[in-house]
């Protein structure tokens, strides 16, 4: 009776080794794909942050340009200059 039990245990071990070999490739592939997905997700998050910062910078630049243009126009009107170069 112990002998068939031992054979069953050996058969189970062989099957487990076979299953482990079959699982390794999909597991490694899944880990690699997961790492790539995380890298691309992080890149996308950083890119969105840079896009947001660029939009704020463009808005501030446009507002400051308008303010400078208004100040120059005010100074020109106050001093009587029309913006033409004096000859």
PDB file of N, CA and C in Angstrom:
ATOM      1  N   UNK A   1       0.787  -1.206   0.000  1.00  0.00           N
ATOM      2  CA  UNK A   1       0.000   0.000   0.000  1.00  0.00           C
ATOM      3  C   UNK A   1       0.837   1.281   0.000  1.00  0.00           C
ATOM      4  N   UNK A   2       1.924   1.375   0.746  1.00  0.00           N
ATOM      5  CA  UNK A   2       2.718   2.602   0.694  1.00  0.00           C
ATOM      6  C   UNK A   2       3.328   2.849  -0.678  1.00  0.00           C
ATOM      7  N   UNK A   3       3.613   1.781  -1.404  1.00  0.00           N
ATOM      8  CA  UNK A   3       4.251   1.962  -2.697  1.00  0.00           C
ATOM      9  C   UNK A   3       3.370   2.723  -3.691  1.00  0.00           C
ATOM     10  N   UNK A   4       2.099   2.376  -3.877  1.00  0.00           N
ATOM     11  CA  UNK A   4       1.268   3.165  -4.795  1.00  0.00           C
ATOM     12  C   UNK A   4       1.123   4.623  -4.336  1.00  0.00           C
ATOM     13  N   UNK A   5       1.100   4.834  -3.042  1.00  0.00           N
ATOM     14  CA  UNK A   5       1.010   6.203  -2.546  1.00  0.00           C
ATOM     15  C   UNK A   5       2.241   7.000  -2.954  1.00  0.00           C
ATOM     16  N   UNK A   6       3.413   6.336  -2.878  1.00  0.00           N
ATOM     17  CA  UNK A   6       4.656   6.997  -3.269  1.00  0.00           C
ATOM     18  C   UNK A   6       4.632   7.326  -4.762  1.00  0.00           C
ATOM     19  N   UNK A   7       4.133   6.416  -5.575  1.00  0.00           N
ATOM     20  CA  UNK A   7       4.039   6.666  -7.010  1.00  0.00           C
ATOM     21  C   UNK A   7       3.093   7.821  -7.298  1.00  0.00           C
ATOM     22  N   UNK A   8       2.024   7.883  -6.562  1.00  0.00           N
ATOM     23  CA  UNK A   8       1.090   8.996  -6.753  1.00  0.00           C
ATOM     24  C   UNK A   8       1.744  10.332  -6.404  1.00  0.00           C
ATOM     25  N   UNK A   9       2.541  10.329  -5.350  1.00  0.00           N
ATOM     26  CA  UNK A   9       3.226  11.555  -4.952  1.00  0.00           C
ATOM     27  C   UNK A   9       4.221  11.962  -6.030  1.00  0.00           C
ATOM     28  N   UNK A  10       4.962  10.996  -6.578  1.00  0.00           N
ATOM     29  CA  UNK A  10       5.915  11.302  -7.646  1.00  0.00           C
ATOM     30  C   UNK A  10       5.193  11.825  -8.878  1.00  0.00           C
ATOM     31  N   UNK A  11       4.061  11.246  -9.208  1.00  0.00           N
ATOM     32  CA  UNK A  11       3.291  11.715 -10.353  1.00  0.00           C
ATOM     33  C   UNK A  11       2.803  13.147 -10.135  1.00  0.00           C
ATOM     34  N   UNK A  12       2.403  13.436  -8.928  1.00  0.00           N
ATOM     35  CA  UNK A  12       1.939  14.784  -8.616  1.00  0.00           C
ATOM     36  C   UNK A  12       3.092  15.774  -8.745  1.00  0.00           C
ATOM     37  N   UNK A  13       4.275  15.394  -8.260  1.00  0.00           N
ATOM     38  CA  UNK A  13       5.438  16.281  -8.365  1.00  0.00           C
ATOM     39  C   UNK A  13       5.799  16.541  -9.818  1.00  0.00           C
ATOM     40  N   UNK A  14       5.755  15.515 -10.636  1.00  0.00           N
ATOM     41  CA  UNK A  14       6.066  15.679 -12.060  1.00  0.00           C
ATOM     42  C   UNK A  14       5.057  16.617 -12.709  1.00  0.00           C
ATOM     43  N   UNK A  15       3.797  16.452 -12.379  1.00  0.00           N
ATOM     44  CA  UNK A  15       2.776  17.322 -12.948  1.00  0.00           C
ATOM     45  C   UNK A  15       2.970  18.763 -12.502  1.00  0.00           C
ATOM     46  N   UNK A  16       3.350  18.965 -11.252  1.00  0.00           N
ATOM     47  CA  UNK A  16       3.585  20.315 -10.761  1.00  0.00           C
ATOM     48  C   UNK A  16       4.771  20.958 -11.464  1.00  0.00           C
ATOM     49  N   UNK A  17       5.830  20.187 -11.732  1.00  0.00           N
ATOM     50  CA  UNK A  17       6.971  20.739 -12.455  1.00  0.00           C
ATOM     51  C   UNK A  17       6.568  21.131 -13.865  1.00  0.00           C
ATOM     52  N   UNK A  18       5.759  20.302 -14.497  1.00  0.00           N
ATOM     53  CA  UNK A  18       5.295  20.615 -15.842  1.00  0.00           C
ATOM     54  C   UNK A  18       4.437  21.874 -15.825  1.00  0.00           C
ATOM     55  N   UNK A  19       3.566  21.987 -14.844  1.00  0.00           N
ATOM     56  CA  UNK A  19       2.716  23.169 -14.754  1.00  0.00           C
ATOM     57  C   UNK A  19       3.553  24.416 -14.493  1.00  0.00           C
ATOM     58  N   UNK A  20       4.596  24.276 -13.683  1.00  0.00           N
ATOM     59  CA  UNK A  20       5.449  25.426 -13.403  1.00  0.00           C
ATOM     60  C   UNK A  20       6.142  25.899 -14.669  1.00  0.00           C
ATOM     61  N   UNK A  21       6.602  24.968 -15.490  1.00  0.00           N
ATOM     62  CA  UNK A  21       7.248  25.337 -16.748  1.00  0.00           C
ATOM     63  C   UNK A  21       6.261  26.014 -17.686  1.00  0.00           C
ATOM     64  N   UNK A  22       5.035  25.564 -17.686  1.00  0.00           N
ATOM     65  CA  UNK A  22       4.027  26.156 -18.561  1.00  0.00           C
ATOM     66  C   UNK A  22       3.610  27.541 -18.085  1.00  0.00           C
ATOM     67  N   UNK A  23       3.737  27.815 -16.812  1.00  0.00           N
ATOM     68  CA  UNK A  23       3.312  29.104 -16.257  1.00  0.00           C
ATOM     69  C   UNK A  23       4.407  30.162 -16.379  1.00  0.00           C
ATOM     70  N   UNK A  24       5.654  29.764 -16.488  1.00  0.00           N
ATOM     71  CA  UNK A  24       6.767  30.721 -16.456  1.00  0.00           C
ATOM     72  C   UNK A  24       6.681  31.707 -17.616  1.00  0.00           C
ATOM     73  N   UNK A  25       6.492  31.241 -18.827  1.00  0.00           N
ATOM     74  CA  UNK A  25       6.470  32.142 -19.986  1.00  0.00           C
ATOM     75  C   UNK A  25       5.329  33.160 -19.904  1.00  0.00           C
ATOM     76  N   UNK A  26       4.082  32.750 -19.635  1.00  0.00           N
ATOM     77  CA  UNK A  26       3.034  33.760 -19.502  1.00  0.00           C
ATOM     78  C   UNK A  26       3.259  34.701 -18.325  1.00  0.00           C
ATOM     79  N   UNK A  27       3.838  34.190 -17.243  1.00  0.00           N
ATOM     80  CA  UNK A  27       4.110  35.034 -16.086  1.00  0.00           C
ATOM     81  C   UNK A  27       5.149  36.086 -16.417  1.00  0.00           C
ATOM     82  N   UNK A  28       6.237  35.692 -17.044  1.00  0.00           N
ATOM     83  CA  UNK A  28       7.281  36.645 -17.434  1.00  0.00           C
ATOM     84  C   UNK A  28       6.726  37.636 -18.449  1.00  0.00           C
ATOM     85  N   UNK A  29       5.967  37.151 -19.406  1.00  0.00           N
ATOM     86  CA  UNK A  29       5.354  38.041 -20.396  1.00  0.00           C
ATOM     87  C   UNK A  29       4.412  39.036 -19.724  1.00  0.00           C
ATOM     88  N   UNK A  30       3.624  38.570 -18.788  1.00  0.00           N
ATOM     89  CA  UNK A  30       2.706  39.460 -18.071  1.00  0.00           C
ATOM     90  C   UNK A  30       3.439  40.502 -17.254  1.00  0.00           C
ATOM     91  N   UNK A  31       4.531  40.104 -16.611  1.00  0.00           N
ATOM     92  CA  UNK A  31       5.311  41.065 -15.821  1.00  0.00           C
ATOM     93  C   UNK A  31       5.929  42.120 -16.737  1.00  0.00           C
ATOM     94  N   UNK A  32       6.486  41.679 -17.860  1.00  0.00           N
ATOM     95  CA  UNK A  32       7.093  42.625 -18.799  1.00  0.00           C
ATOM     96  C   UNK A  32       6.044  43.586 -19.341  1.00  0.00           C
ATOM     97  N   UNK A  33       4.888  43.072 -19.724  1.00  0.00           N
ATOM     98  CA  UNK A  33       3.821  43.950 -20.222  1.00  0.00           C
ATOM     99  C   UNK A  33       3.331  44.900 -19.136  1.00  0.00           C
ATOM    100  N   UNK A  34       3.252  44.407 -17.904  1.00  0.00           N
ATOM    101  CA  UNK A  34       2.850  45.273 -16.795  1.00  0.00           C
ATOM    102  C   UNK A  34       3.844  46.392 -16.556  1.00  0.00           C
ATOM    103  N   UNK A  35       5.124  46.074 -16.620  1.00  0.00           N
ATOM    104  CA  UNK A  35       6.163  47.102 -16.436  1.00  0.00           C
ATOM    105  C   UNK A  35       6.093  48.125 -17.568  1.00  0.00           C
ATOM    106  N   UNK A  36       5.927  47.650 -18.799  1.00  0.00           N
ATOM    107  CA  UNK A  36       5.807  48.584 -19.927  1.00  0.00           C
ATOM    108  C   UNK A  36       4.581  49.478 -19.780  1.00  0.00           C
ATOM    109  N   UNK A  37       3.472  48.905 -19.351  1.00  0.00           N
ATOM    110  CA  UNK A  37       2.258  49.703 -19.151  1.00  0.00           C
ATOM    111  C   UNK A  37       2.477  50.762 -18.079  1.00  0.00           C
ATOM    112  N   UNK A  38       3.160  50.413 -17.004  1.00  0.00           N
ATOM    113  CA  UNK A  38       3.427  51.392 -15.945  1.00  0.00           C
ATOM    114  C   UNK A  38       4.363  52.500 -16.439  1.00  0.00           C
ATOM    115  N   UNK A  39       5.362  52.133 -17.245  1.00  0.00           N
ATOM    116  CA  UNK A  39       6.281  53.147 -17.787  1.00  0.00           C
ATOM    117  C   UNK A  39       5.516  54.109 -18.679  1.00  0.00           C
ATOM    118  N   UNK A  40       4.682  53.586 -19.564  1.00  0.00           N
ATOM    119  CA  UNK A  40       3.912  54.459 -20.446  1.00  0.00           C
ATOM    120  C   UNK A  40       2.905  55.302 -19.659  1.00  0.00           C
ATOM    121  N   UNK A  41       2.307  54.731 -18.611  1.00  0.00           N
ATOM    122  CA  UNK A  41       1.368  55.490 -17.785  1.00  0.00           C
ATOM    123  C   UNK A  41       2.087  56.648 -17.095  1.00  0.00           C
ATOM    124  N   UNK A  42       3.280  56.373 -16.561  1.00  0.00           N
ATOM    125  CA  UNK A  42       4.052  57.428 -15.899  1.00  0.00           C
ATOM    126  C   UNK A  42       4.466  58.503 -16.901  1.00  0.00           C
ATOM    127  N   UNK A  43       4.887  58.085 -18.091  1.00  0.00           N
ATOM    128  CA  UNK A  43       5.251  59.041 -19.135  1.00  0.00           C
ATOM    129  C   UNK A  43       4.051  59.909 -19.497  1.00  0.00           C
ATOM    130  N   UNK A  44       2.884  59.298 -19.624  1.00  0.00           N
ATOM    131  CA  UNK A  44       1.674  60.043 -19.966  1.00  0.00           C
ATOM    132  C   UNK A  44       1.316  61.037 -18.863  1.00  0.00           C
ATOM    133  N   UNK A  45       1.456  60.640 -17.608  1.00  0.00           N
ATOM    134  CA  UNK A  45       1.158  61.538 -16.489  1.00  0.00           C
ATOM    135  C   UNK A  45       2.104  62.733 -16.488  1.00  0.00           C
ATOM    136  N   UNK A  46       3.375  62.476 -16.714  1.00  0.00           N
ATOM    137  CA  UNK A  46       4.345  63.587 -16.764  1.00  0.00           C
ATOM    138  C   UNK A  46       4.079  64.488 -17.958  1.00  0.00           C
ATOM    139  N   UNK A  47       3.731  63.891 -19.085  1.00  0.00           N
ATOM    140  CA  UNK A  47       3.433  64.678 -20.279  1.00  0.00           C
ATOM    141  C   UNK A  47       2.215  65.563 -20.059  1.00  0.00           C
ATOM    142  N   UNK A  48       1.185  65.030 -19.416  1.00  0.00           N
ATOM    143  CA  UNK A  48       0.001  65.841 -19.111  1.00  0.00           C
ATOM    144  C   UNK A  48       0.349  66.987 -18.172  1.00  0.00           C
ATOM    145  N   UNK A  49       1.243  66.752 -17.225  1.00  0.00           N
ATOM    146  CA  UNK A  49       1.689  67.820 -16.330  1.00  0.00           C
ATOM    147  C   UNK A  49       2.432  68.904 -17.091  1.00  0.00           C
ATOM    148  N   UNK A  50       3.267  68.507 -18.037  1.00  0.00           N
ATOM    149  CA  UNK A  50       4.005  69.481 -18.841  1.00  0.00           C
ATOM    150  C   UNK A  50       3.063  70.265 -19.757  1.00  0.00           C
ATOM    151  N   UNK A  51       2.063  69.596 -20.292  1.00  0.00           N
ATOM    152  CA  UNK A  51       1.087  70.282 -21.147  1.00  0.00           C
ATOM    153  C   UNK A  51       0.322  71.317 -20.331  1.00  0.00           C
ATOM    154  N   UNK A  52      -0.050  70.954 -19.110  1.00  0.00           N
ATOM    155  CA  UNK A  52      -0.756  71.890 -18.235  1.00  0.00           C
ATOM    156  C   UNK A  52       0.120  73.094 -17.902  1.00  0.00           C
ATOM    157  N   UNK A  53       1.393  72.848 -17.591  1.00  0.00           N
ATOM    158  CA  UNK A  53       2.313  73.949 -17.283  1.00  0.00           C
ATOM    159  C   UNK A  53       2.513  74.842 -18.502  1.00  0.00           C
ATOM    160  N   UNK A  54       2.595  74.254 -19.682  1.00  0.00           N
ATOM    161  CA  UNK A  54       2.772  75.036 -20.914  1.00  0.00           C
ATOM    162  C   UNK A  54       1.544  75.901 -21.185  1.00  0.00           C
ATOM    163  N   UNK A  55       0.363  75.367 -20.943  1.00  0.00           N
ATOM    164  CA  UNK A  55      -0.860  76.150 -21.150  1.00  0.00           C
ATOM    165  C   UNK A  55      -0.909  77.334 -20.181  1.00  0.00           C
ATOM    166  N   UNK A  56      -0.517  77.122 -18.936  1.00  0.00           N
ATOM    167  CA  UNK A  56      -0.487  78.228 -17.969  1.00  0.00           C
ATOM    168  C   UNK A  56       0.544  79.278 -18.373  1.00  0.00           C
ATOM    169  N   UNK A  57       1.684  78.834 -18.873  1.00  0.00           N
ATOM    170  CA  UNK A  57       2.729  79.759 -19.312  1.00  0.00           C
ATOM    171  C   UNK A  57       2.259  80.576 -20.508  1.00  0.00           C
ATOM    172  N   UNK A  58       1.586  79.947 -21.450  1.00  0.00           N
ATOM    173  CA  UNK A  58       1.063  80.671 -22.612  1.00  0.00           C
ATOM    174  C   UNK A  58       0.017  81.696 -22.189  1.00  0.00           C
ATOM    175  N   UNK A  59      -0.826  81.329 -21.241  1.00  0.00           N
ATOM    176  CA  UNK A  59      -1.848  82.260 -20.760  1.00  0.00           C
ATOM    177  C   UNK A  59      -1.194  83.450 -20.065  1.00  0.00           C
ATOM    178  N   UNK A  60      -0.202  83.206 -19.224  1.00  0.00           N
ATOM    179  CA  UNK A  60       0.482  84.296 -18.523  1.00  0.00           C
ATOM    180  C   UNK A  60       1.221  85.187 -19.514  1.00  0.00           C
ATOM    181  N   UNK A  61       1.843  84.587 -20.532  1.00  0.00           N
ATOM    182  CA  UNK A  61       2.565  85.364 -21.544  1.00  0.00           C
ATOM    183  C   UNK A  61       1.596  86.250 -22.332  1.00  0.00           C
ATOM    184  N   UNK A  62       0.473  85.716 -22.712  1.00  0.00           N
ATOM    185  CA  UNK A  62      -0.514  86.506 -23.457  1.00  0.00           C
ATOM    186  C   UNK A  62      -1.036  87.660 -22.604  1.00  0.00           C
ATOM    187  N   UNK A  63      -1.301  87.389 -21.334  1.00  0.00           N
ATOM    188  CA  UNK A  63      -1.806  88.441 -20.447  1.00  0.00           C
ATOM    189  C   UNK A  63      -0.745  89.522 -20.230  1.00  0.00           C
ATOM    190  N   UNK A  64       0.501  89.118 -20.014  1.00  0.00           N
ATOM    191  CA  UNK A  64       1.572  90.096 -19.815  1.00  0.00           C
ATOM    192  C   UNK A  64       1.842  90.895 -21.085  1.00  0.00           C
ATOM    193  N   UNK A  65       1.765  90.252 -22.246  1.00  0.00           N
ATOM    194  CA  UNK A  65       1.956  90.965 -23.513  1.00  0.00           C
ATOM    195  C   UNK A  65       0.878  92.025 -23.699  1.00  0.00           C
ATOM    196  N   UNK A  66      -0.355  91.671 -23.361  1.00  0.00           N
ATOM    197  CA  UNK A  66      -1.449  92.633 -23.478  1.00  0.00           C
ATOM    198  C   UNK A  66      -1.245  93.797 -22.511  1.00  0.00           C
ATOM    199  N   UNK A  67      -0.791  93.505 -21.286  1.00  0.00           N
ATOM    200  CA  UNK A  67      -0.541  94.556 -20.297  1.00  0.00           C
ATOM    201  C   UNK A  67       0.557  95.499 -20.776  1.00  0.00           C
ATOM    202  N   UNK A  68       1.637  94.941 -21.316  1.00  0.00           N
ATOM    203  CA  UNK A  68       2.726  95.779 -21.840  1.00  0.00           C
ATOM    204  C   UNK A  68       2.236  96.618 -23.009  1.00  0.00           C
ATOM    205  N   UNK A  69       1.467  96.052 -23.892  1.00  0.00           N
ATOM    206  CA  UNK A  69       0.929  96.803 -25.031  1.00  0.00           C
ATOM    207  C   UNK A  69       0.035  97.940 -24.547  1.00  0.00           C
ATOM    208  N   UNK A  70      -0.784  97.683 -23.533  1.00  0.00           N
ATOM    209  CA  UNK A  70      -1.645  98.736 -22.985  1.00  0.00           C
ATOM    210  C   UNK A  70      -0.819  99.861 -22.364  1.00  0.00           C
ATOM    211  N   UNK A  71       0.244  99.524 -21.635  1.00  0.00           N
ATOM    212  CA  UNK A  71       1.091 100.533 -21.010  1.00  0.00           C
ATOM    213  C   UNK A  71       1.791 101.364 -22.076  1.00  0.00           C
ATOM    214  N   UNK A  72       2.321 100.724 -23.117  1.00  0.00           N
ATOM    215  CA  UNK A  72       2.997 101.453 -24.199  1.00  0.00           C
ATOM    216  C   UNK A  72       2.019 102.367 -24.911  1.00  0.00           C
ATOM    217  N   UNK A  73       0.817 101.895 -25.169  1.00  0.00           N
ATOM    218  CA  UNK A  73      -0.205 102.729 -25.810  1.00  0.00           C
ATOM    219  C   UNK A  73      -0.545 103.919 -24.924  1.00  0.00           C
ATOM    220  N   UNK A  74      -0.687 103.690 -23.622  1.00  0.00           N
ATOM    221  CA  UNK A  74      -0.994 104.781 -22.693  1.00  0.00           C
ATOM    222  C   UNK A  74       0.121 105.819 -22.690  1.00  0.00           C
ATOM    223  N   UNK A  75       1.371 105.383 -22.645  1.00  0.00           N
ATOM    224  CA  UNK A  75       2.504 106.315 -22.637  1.00  0.00           C
ATOM    225  C   UNK A  75       2.564 107.088 -23.946  1.00  0.00           C
ATOM    226  N   UNK A  76       2.363 106.408 -25.047  1.00  0.00           N
ATOM    227  CA  UNK A  76       2.382 107.092 -26.349  1.00  0.00           C
ATOM    228  C   UNK A  76       1.275 108.139 -26.426  1.00  0.00           C
ATOM    229  N   UNK A  77       0.092 107.790 -25.943  1.00  0.00           N
ATOM    230  CA  UNK A  77      -1.023 108.758 -25.983  1.00  0.00           C
ATOM    231  C   UNK A  77      -0.767 109.917 -25.025  1.00  0.00           C
ATOM    232  N   UNK A  78      -0.177 109.653 -23.881  1.00  0.00           N
ATOM    233  CA  UNK A  78       0.062 110.703 -22.894  1.00  0.00           C
ATOM    234  C   UNK A  78       1.146 111.671 -23.354  1.00  0.00           C
ATOM    235  N   UNK A  79       2.118 111.192 -24.109  1.00  0.00           N
ATOM    236  CA  UNK A  79       3.206 112.063 -24.566  1.00  0.00           C
ATOM    237  C   UNK A  79       2.926 112.621 -25.957  1.00  0.00           C
ATOM    238  N   UNK A  80       1.845 112.219 -26.581  1.00  0.00           N
ATOM    239  CA  UNK A  80       1.479 112.749 -27.889  1.00  0.00           C
ATOM    240  C   UNK A  80       2.168 112.050 -29.030  1.00  0.00           C
ATOM    241  N   UNK A  81       2.793 110.956 -28.809  1.00  0.00           N
ATOM    242  CA  UNK A  81       3.447 110.216 -29.907  1.00  0.00           C
ATOM    243  C   UNK A  81       2.448 109.270 -30.533  1.00  0.00           C
ATOM    244  N   UNK A  82       2.576 109.102 -31.830  1.00  0.00           N
ATOM    245  CA  UNK A  82       1.647 108.210 -32.532  1.00  0.00           C
ATOM    246  C   UNK A  82       2.251 106.859 -32.828  1.00  0.00           C
ATOM    247  N   UNK A  83       3.475 106.632 -32.425  1.00  0.00           N
ATOM    248  CA  UNK A  83       4.119 105.350 -32.658  1.00  0.00           C
ATOM    249  C   UNK A  83       4.986 105.370 -33.902  1.00  0.00           C
ATOM    250  N   UNK A  84       5.019 106.485 -34.653  1.00  0.00           N
ATOM    251  CA  UNK A  84       5.866 106.569 -35.841  1.00  0.00           C
ATOM    252  C   UNK A  84       7.257 107.005 -35.423  1.00  0.00           C
ATOM    253  N   UNK A  85       8.242 106.550 -36.121  1.00  0.00           N
ATOM    254  CA  UNK A  85       9.630 106.901 -35.807  1.00  0.00           C
ATOM    255  C   UNK A  85       9.897 108.358 -36.181  1.00  0.00           C
ATOM    256  N   UNK A  86      10.591 109.086 -35.325  1.00  0.00           N
ATOM    257  CA  UNK A  86      10.918 110.478 -35.614  1.00  0.00           C
ATOM    258  C   UNK A  86      12.094 110.524 -36.582  1.00  0.00           C
ATOM    259  N   UNK A  87      11.962 111.400 -37.584  1.00  0.00           N
ATOM    260  CA  UNK A  87      13.027 111.514 -38.593  1.00  0.00           C
ATOM    261  C   UNK A  87      13.764 112.798 -38.437  1.00  0.00           C
TER     262      UNK A  87
END
